[in-house]
Amino acid sequence: MHFFAIKKILFLSMSMFYLISCTTIFENNYDVMARQALFNLMKSQEIYRAEHDKYANKLAQLSSYDLKYHTGIVYLEIQSANKDEYRAISLPAESTTARVFIYDTIKGGYYE
């Protein structure tokens, strides 16, 4: 009897581990696209800053830096920007998960 209890606990523990470790598999495709759009914006901002010694405060300023996203699927916005810092958000327009992806230099970088 004791052997079966240990076996059952081990099985449940392994099942929980696999369920938790596979959460990105169940992530909505729109979430992935929104996160990628923000990462692309972050890359473009760093290139822009290296060339202009300030961050861009409008997405139009980054159009020549290969920043592309589909506005019908991903909402992307630079909320604030100045010479030394900026804050940007992206979120999937079609997602049911209500995830928001943020990059904020004041708060230490990327978070969701």
Protein backbone atom coordinates (compact mmCIF):
# COMPACT_ATOMS: atom_id res chain seq x y z
CA MET A 1 0.00 0.00 0.00
CA HIS A 2 2.80 2.42 0.88
CA PHE A 3 4.49 1.77 -2.50
CA PHE A 4 1.34 2.77 -4.42
CA ALA A 5 0.99 6.01 -2.46
CA ILE A 6 4.58 7.00 -3.28
CA LYS A 7 4.07 6.05 -6.90
CA LYS A 8 0.88 8.14 -7.08
CA ILE A 9 2.59 11.19 -5.53
CA LEU A 10 5.53 10.83 -7.91
CA PHE A 11 3.19 10.59 -10.88
CA LEU A 12 1.21 13.68 -9.80
CA SER A 13 4.41 15.64 -9.21
CA MET A 14 5.76 14.77 -12.64
CA SER A 15 2.43 15.66 -14.25
CA MET A 16 2.38 19.06 -12.58
CA PHE A 17 5.97 19.72 -13.70
CA TYR A 18 5.13 18.93 -17.31
CA LEU A 19 1.98 21.05 -17.26
CA ILE A 20 3.79 24.05 -15.80
CA SER A 21 6.82 23.74 -18.09
CA CYS A 22 4.63 23.63 -21.21
CA THR A 23 2.79 26.90 -20.68
CA THR A 24 4.46 28.55 -23.67
CA ILE A 25 3.05 25.81 -25.90
CA PHE A 26 -0.46 26.93 -24.95
CA GLU A 27 0.33 30.60 -25.43
CA ASN A 28 -1.88 32.41 -27.91
CA ASN A 29 -0.24 33.15 -31.26
CA TYR A 30 -1.30 36.79 -30.98
CA ASP A 31 0.59 37.03 -27.68
CA VAL A 32 3.75 35.82 -29.40
CA MET A 33 3.30 38.39 -32.16
CA ALA A 34 2.75 41.23 -29.68
CA ARG A 35 5.85 40.28 -27.69
CA GLN A 36 7.91 40.06 -30.87
CA ALA A 37 6.67 43.48 -32.01
CA LEU A 38 7.87 44.97 -28.73
CA PHE A 39 11.26 43.25 -29.02
CA ASN A 40 11.59 44.65 -32.55
CA LEU A 41 10.74 48.11 -31.21
CA MET A 42 13.38 47.77 -28.48
CA LYS A 43 16.00 46.86 -31.08
CA SER A 44 14.99 49.77 -33.32
CA GLN A 45 15.10 52.18 -30.37
CA GLU A 46 18.67 51.18 -29.54
CA ILE A 47 19.79 51.70 -33.14
CA TYR A 48 17.98 55.06 -33.25
CA ARG A 49 19.58 56.15 -29.98
CA ALA A 50 23.06 55.19 -31.18
CA GLU A 51 22.58 57.36 -34.26
CA HIS A 52 20.69 60.32 -32.74
CA ASP A 53 21.75 60.30 -29.06
CA LYS A 54 18.10 60.15 -27.96
CA TYR A 55 15.16 57.78 -28.11
CA ALA A 56 12.40 58.10 -30.70
CA ASN A 57 9.06 59.26 -29.31
CA LYS A 58 6.96 58.27 -32.33
CA LEU A 59 6.74 55.02 -34.25
CA ALA A 60 7.00 56.98 -37.52
CA GLN A 61 10.56 57.96 -36.59
CA LEU A 62 11.48 54.26 -36.60
CA SER A 63 9.97 53.39 -39.98
CA SER A 64 13.38 53.36 -41.66
CA TYR A 65 14.74 50.92 -39.05
CA ASP A 66 12.79 47.92 -40.36
CA LEU A 67 10.17 48.09 -37.61
CA LYS A 68 7.19 46.21 -38.99
CA TYR A 69 4.04 45.00 -37.27
CA HIS A 70 0.48 44.39 -38.34
CA THR A 71 -1.75 47.00 -36.72
CA GLY A 72 -4.83 44.79 -37.07
CA ILE A 73 -3.27 42.14 -34.84
CA VAL A 74 -0.78 43.96 -32.62
CA TYR A 75 -1.21 47.27 -30.85
CA LEU A 76 2.16 48.93 -30.34
CA GLU A 77 2.76 52.33 -28.78
CA ILE A 78 5.60 54.44 -27.47
CA GLN A 79 3.90 55.95 -24.42
CA SER A 80 6.70 58.31 -23.50
CA ALA A 81 10.24 59.01 -24.60
CA ASN A 82 12.96 61.55 -24.06
CA LYS A 83 16.71 61.66 -24.43
CA ASP A 84 17.56 59.07 -21.78
CA GLU A 85 14.46 56.91 -21.24
CA TYR A 86 11.34 55.57 -22.86
CA ARG A 87 8.29 53.43 -22.15
CA ALA A 88 6.52 51.35 -24.77
CA ILE A 89 3.69 48.84 -24.69
CA SER A 90 2.36 46.20 -27.02
CA LEU A 91 -0.67 44.00 -26.75
CA PRO A 92 -2.46 41.59 -29.02
CA ALA A 93 -5.60 43.15 -30.45
CA GLU A 94 -7.26 39.76 -31.04
CA SER A 95 -6.16 37.91 -27.92
CA THR A 96 -8.39 36.57 -25.17
CA THR A 97 -5.54 36.44 -22.66
CA ALA A 98 -5.39 40.20 -21.97
CA ARG A 99 -1.59 40.16 -21.76
CA VAL A 100 0.26 43.44 -21.98
CA PHE A 101 3.97 43.58 -22.79
CA ILE A 102 5.91 46.60 -21.57
CA TYR A 103 9.40 47.95 -21.91
CA ASP A 104 10.28 50.71 -19.47
CA THR A 105 13.85 51.92 -18.99
CA ILE A 106 12.95 53.54 -15.64
CA LYS A 107 11.55 50.29 -14.23
CA GLY A 108 14.43 48.19 -15.44
CA GLY A 109 13.45 46.93 -18.88
CA TYR A 110 11.02 44.36 -20.22
CA TYR A 111 8.13 42.93 -18.24
CA GLU A 112 4.57 41.77 -18.76
